[in-house]
Amino acid sequence: MSMSLRYRLAVTSRVLAAAVGGYALTAAIGTLLSLLIPMERAQAVETGTFLSFAVYAAILCWVFHVRSATRAWAWLVAWTLAVSALCGWLLRHGGAA
């Protein structure tokens, strides 16, 4: 595999990690924020959504800053699973009343 093709695949992987993985993690964080913010439900969802835009921008920058695309994917998957599990636990145990 040529260096040019390897470079293009690495950049493509980072773009997909930022777009797909970043979106998944941002959605999970936005949900978590909506569950944790102590406001009326509609206001908490709106605030969580607004804050998630800043989180998404930070994730996009981080994906291109990290050492390798593999590391970016691994961290995105791990954090998405952890945040989603926490959201599920909060919903199951009534922490989002």
Protein backbone atom coordinates (compact mmCIF):
# COMPACT_ATOMS: atom_id res chain seq x y z
CA MET A 1 0.00 0.00 0.00
CA SER A 2 1.47 3.35 -0.98
CA MET A 3 2.04 6.12 1.53
CA SER A 4 -0.45 8.33 -0.28
CA LEU A 5 -3.21 5.73 -0.03
CA ARG A 6 -2.39 5.01 3.62
CA TYR A 7 -2.56 8.73 4.42
CA ARG A 8 -5.89 9.11 2.63
CA LEU A 9 -7.37 6.16 4.49
CA ALA A 10 -6.16 7.57 7.82
CA VAL A 11 -7.77 10.92 7.09
CA THR A 12 -10.97 9.23 5.92
CA SER A 13 -11.07 7.20 9.13
CA ARG A 14 -10.65 10.34 11.21
CA VAL A 15 -13.41 12.14 9.29
CA LEU A 16 -15.75 9.19 9.85
CA ALA A 17 -14.74 9.02 13.51
CA ALA A 18 -15.47 12.72 13.92
CA ALA A 19 -18.78 12.58 12.07
CA VAL A 20 -20.22 9.24 13.17
CA GLY A 21 -18.46 8.54 16.46
CA GLY A 22 -18.55 12.19 17.46
CA TYR A 23 -22.27 12.36 16.78
CA ALA A 24 -22.96 9.23 18.81
CA LEU A 25 -20.95 10.48 21.78
CA THR A 26 -22.50 13.94 21.53
CA ALA A 27 -26.01 12.46 21.48
CA ALA A 28 -25.23 10.41 24.57
CA ILE A 29 -23.74 13.41 26.38
CA GLY A 30 -26.69 15.59 25.38
CA THR A 31 -29.06 12.99 26.81
CA LEU A 32 -27.03 12.72 30.00
CA LEU A 33 -27.01 16.50 30.42
CA SER A 34 -30.77 16.59 29.88
CA LEU A 35 -31.19 14.04 32.65
CA LEU A 36 -28.85 15.76 35.10
CA ILE A 37 -29.72 19.45 34.71
CA PRO A 38 -32.11 20.42 37.54
CA MET A 39 -34.72 22.35 35.53
CA GLU A 40 -38.10 21.67 34.05
CA ARG A 41 -37.83 18.83 31.54
CA ALA A 42 -38.23 20.98 28.40
CA GLN A 43 -35.67 23.53 29.60
CA ALA A 44 -33.24 20.80 30.61
CA VAL A 45 -33.49 19.18 27.18
CA GLU A 46 -32.99 22.53 25.44
CA THR A 47 -30.00 23.39 27.62
CA GLY A 48 -28.49 19.94 27.16
CA THR A 49 -28.91 20.25 23.41
CA PHE A 50 -27.26 23.67 23.30
CA LEU A 51 -24.36 22.48 25.42
CA SER A 52 -23.93 19.41 23.24
CA PHE A 53 -23.05 21.65 20.26
CA ALA A 54 -19.98 22.88 22.13
CA VAL A 55 -19.16 19.30 23.11
CA TYR A 56 -19.42 18.22 19.47
CA ALA A 57 -17.03 20.96 18.37
CA ALA A 58 -14.53 19.86 21.02
CA ILE A 59 -14.84 16.22 19.95
CA LEU A 60 -14.25 17.16 16.30
CA CYS A 61 -11.06 19.00 17.22
CA TRP A 62 -9.91 16.19 19.52
CA VAL A 63 -10.34 13.49 16.84
CA PHE A 64 -7.84 15.27 14.61
CA HIS A 65 -5.51 16.03 17.50
CA VAL A 66 -5.17 12.48 18.84
CA ARG A 67 -2.16 10.42 17.77
CA SER A 68 -3.96 7.86 15.58
CA ALA A 69 -7.37 7.19 14.10
CA THR A 70 -7.48 3.85 15.90
CA ARG A 71 -7.01 5.56 19.25
CA ALA A 72 -9.74 8.09 18.39
CA TRP A 73 -12.18 5.30 17.48
CA ALA A 74 -11.35 3.34 20.64
CA TRP A 75 -11.89 6.31 22.94
CA LEU A 76 -15.08 7.38 21.16
CA VAL A 77 -16.58 3.89 21.44
CA ALA A 78 -15.53 3.52 25.08
CA TRP A 79 -16.89 6.91 26.15
CA THR A 80 -20.12 6.46 24.17
CA LEU A 81 -20.76 3.11 25.84
CA ALA A 82 -19.94 4.50 29.30
CA VAL A 83 -22.16 7.58 28.94
CA SER A 84 -24.99 5.53 27.42
CA ALA A 85 -24.77 3.04 30.28
CA LEU A 86 -24.93 5.87 32.80
CA CYS A 87 -28.00 7.30 31.03
CA GLY A 88 -29.65 3.90 31.12
CA TRP A 89 -28.84 3.46 34.78
CA LEU A 90 -30.25 6.90 35.62
CA LEU A 91 -33.46 6.21 33.71
CA ARG A 92 -33.87 2.78 35.27
CA HIS A 93 -33.35 3.95 38.83
CA GLY A 94 -35.42 7.10 38.62
CA GLY A 95 -32.52 9.53 38.80
CA ALA A 96 -34.09 11.69 36.12
CA ALA A 97 -37.27 12.68 37.91
